[in-house]
Amino acid sequence: MKKTLYLAVSLLVLAACGCGKPQTLPIIPSGQETGPGGHNHDRTDIPMGHQGSTTSTPLHIAGDVWIGARAIILPGCRRIGHGAIIGAGAVVTKDVPDWAVVGGNPARIIKSRKSE
């Protein structure tokens, strides 16, 4: 099965990209950012920018996924399921099931694209 991932402009992925490798990337986002889960900020004697990053969280993005503009995917999300749609501006904090349409802050399931 062909895997396709659609990315809109300004996608922010804060989980480490251990992403599934789609075969096609039809849209390359101009504002895409990827990086580790977060930043260390425990010590007050060292500037936050010099304290490094926390342990990264792998993220698997299945095939035929649409991620809307300015969506934020936080480290609590480890998988975005096959055929899922993430609405523009959504803040994804947990896994997204196959065929789910999610949106909001925090993102919640709005509906399933696949009828039972």
Protein backbone atom coordinates (compact mmCIF):
# COMPACT_ATOMS: atom_id res chain seq x y z
CA MET A 1 0.00 0.00 0.00
CA LYS A 2 1.32 3.42 -0.93
CA LYS A 3 1.96 5.70 2.06
CA THR A 4 1.25 9.40 1.72
CA LEU A 5 1.63 12.15 4.30
CA TYR A 6 0.13 15.58 3.64
CA LEU A 7 1.69 18.45 5.59
CA ALA A 8 0.33 21.97 5.69
CA VAL A 9 2.32 25.12 6.28
CA SER A 10 3.86 25.73 9.74
CA LEU A 11 3.66 22.26 11.25
CA LEU A 12 5.37 22.08 14.63
CA VAL A 13 6.35 18.58 15.74
CA LEU A 14 7.88 18.58 19.20
CA ALA A 15 8.32 14.82 19.39
CA ALA A 16 11.52 13.39 17.94
CA CYS A 17 11.00 12.28 14.40
CA GLY A 18 11.28 8.56 14.42
CA CYS A 19 8.46 9.07 11.92
CA GLY A 20 7.32 6.34 9.58
CA LYS A 21 8.85 7.21 6.24
CA PRO A 22 6.09 7.99 3.77
CA GLN A 23 6.88 7.27 0.14
CA THR A 24 5.49 10.59 -1.04
CA LEU A 25 5.55 14.05 0.50
CA PRO A 26 3.33 16.09 -1.82
CA ILE A 27 3.51 19.32 0.21
CA ILE A 28 6.71 20.49 1.89
CA PRO A 29 5.81 22.90 4.70
CA SER A 30 7.68 26.17 4.83
CA GLY A 31 7.50 26.47 8.61
CA GLN A 32 8.05 22.85 9.66
CA GLU A 33 9.96 22.44 12.90
CA THR A 34 11.03 19.21 14.49
CA GLY A 35 12.96 18.64 17.65
CA PRO A 36 13.15 16.77 20.91
CA GLY A 37 10.31 16.59 23.41
CA GLY A 38 11.25 19.57 25.52
CA HIS A 39 13.96 21.52 27.24
CA ASN A 40 15.61 21.16 30.61
CA HIS A 41 14.99 24.14 32.87
CA ASP A 42 15.60 22.82 36.39
CA ARG A 43 18.79 24.73 37.20
CA THR A 44 18.67 28.44 37.87
CA ASP A 45 22.45 28.93 37.77
CA ILE A 46 22.61 28.03 34.05
CA PRO A 47 20.58 29.83 31.34
CA MET A 48 17.71 27.66 30.07
CA GLY A 49 19.07 27.72 26.53
CA HIS A 50 22.27 26.04 27.74
CA GLN A 51 20.63 23.20 29.70
CA GLY A 52 19.93 20.97 26.73
CA SER A 53 16.90 18.93 25.78
CA THR A 54 14.92 16.22 27.49
CA THR A 55 14.79 12.66 26.21
CA SER A 56 13.07 12.45 22.86
CA THR A 57 9.88 10.52 22.21
CA PRO A 58 9.58 8.53 18.97
CA LEU A 59 6.64 9.47 16.74
CA HIS A 60 5.20 7.14 14.10
CA ILE A 61 3.05 8.76 11.43
CA ALA A 62 1.13 6.15 9.43
CA GLY A 63 0.16 6.49 5.76
CA ASP A 64 -2.56 8.68 4.20
CA VAL A 65 -2.41 11.24 7.04
CA TRP A 66 -3.39 14.90 6.69
CA ILE A 67 -1.91 17.35 9.22
CA GLY A 68 -3.44 20.82 9.08
CA ALA A 69 -1.63 24.15 9.17
CA ARG A 70 -0.06 25.18 12.47
CA ALA A 71 -0.84 21.86 14.16
CA ILE A 72 1.33 21.15 17.20
CA ILE A 73 2.20 17.54 18.02
CA LEU A 74 3.53 17.19 21.56
CA PRO A 75 5.69 14.36 22.98
CA GLY A 76 2.69 12.59 24.55
CA CYS A 77 1.66 11.57 21.03
CA ARG A 78 3.60 8.53 19.85
CA ARG A 79 1.42 7.50 16.90
CA ILE A 80 -0.80 9.16 14.32
CA GLY A 81 -2.94 6.41 12.80
CA HIS A 82 -3.58 5.51 9.18
CA GLY A 83 -6.01 7.82 7.40
CA ALA A 84 -6.13 10.32 10.28
CA ILE A 85 -6.82 14.03 9.84
CA ILE A 86 -5.45 16.58 12.30
CA GLY A 87 -7.26 19.91 12.07
CA ALA A 88 -5.48 23.21 11.58
CA GLY A 89 -4.15 24.63 14.85
CA ALA A 90 -4.81 21.41 16.80
CA VAL A 91 -2.60 20.65 19.80
CA VAL A 92 -2.15 16.87 19.79
CA THR A 93 -1.24 15.52 23.24
CA LYS A 94 -1.95 11.81 22.81
CA ASP A 95 -2.10 9.09 20.15
CA VAL A 96 -4.51 9.52 17.25
CA PRO A 97 -6.37 6.33 16.19
CA ASP A 98 -6.66 5.11 12.59
CA TRP A 99 -9.25 7.06 10.54
CA ALA A 100 -9.83 9.66 13.31
CA VAL A 101 -10.52 13.33 12.62
CA VAL A 102 -9.15 15.36 15.54
CA GLY A 103 -9.10 19.05 16.35
CA GLY A 104 -8.95 21.57 19.15
CA ASN A 105 -6.72 22.35 22.12
CA PRO A 106 -6.13 19.77 23.39
CA ALA A 107 -7.07 17.78 20.29
CA ARG A 108 -10.04 15.44 20.68
CA ILE A 109 -11.71 13.03 18.29
CA ILE A 110 -14.43 14.80 16.32
CA LYS A 111 -15.44 11.81 14.22
CA SER A 112 -14.17 8.71 12.48
CA ARG A 113 -13.71 8.73 8.72
CA LYS A 114 -14.51 5.03 8.52
CA SER A 115 -18.02 3.81 9.24
CA GLU A 116 -18.29 0.76 11.48
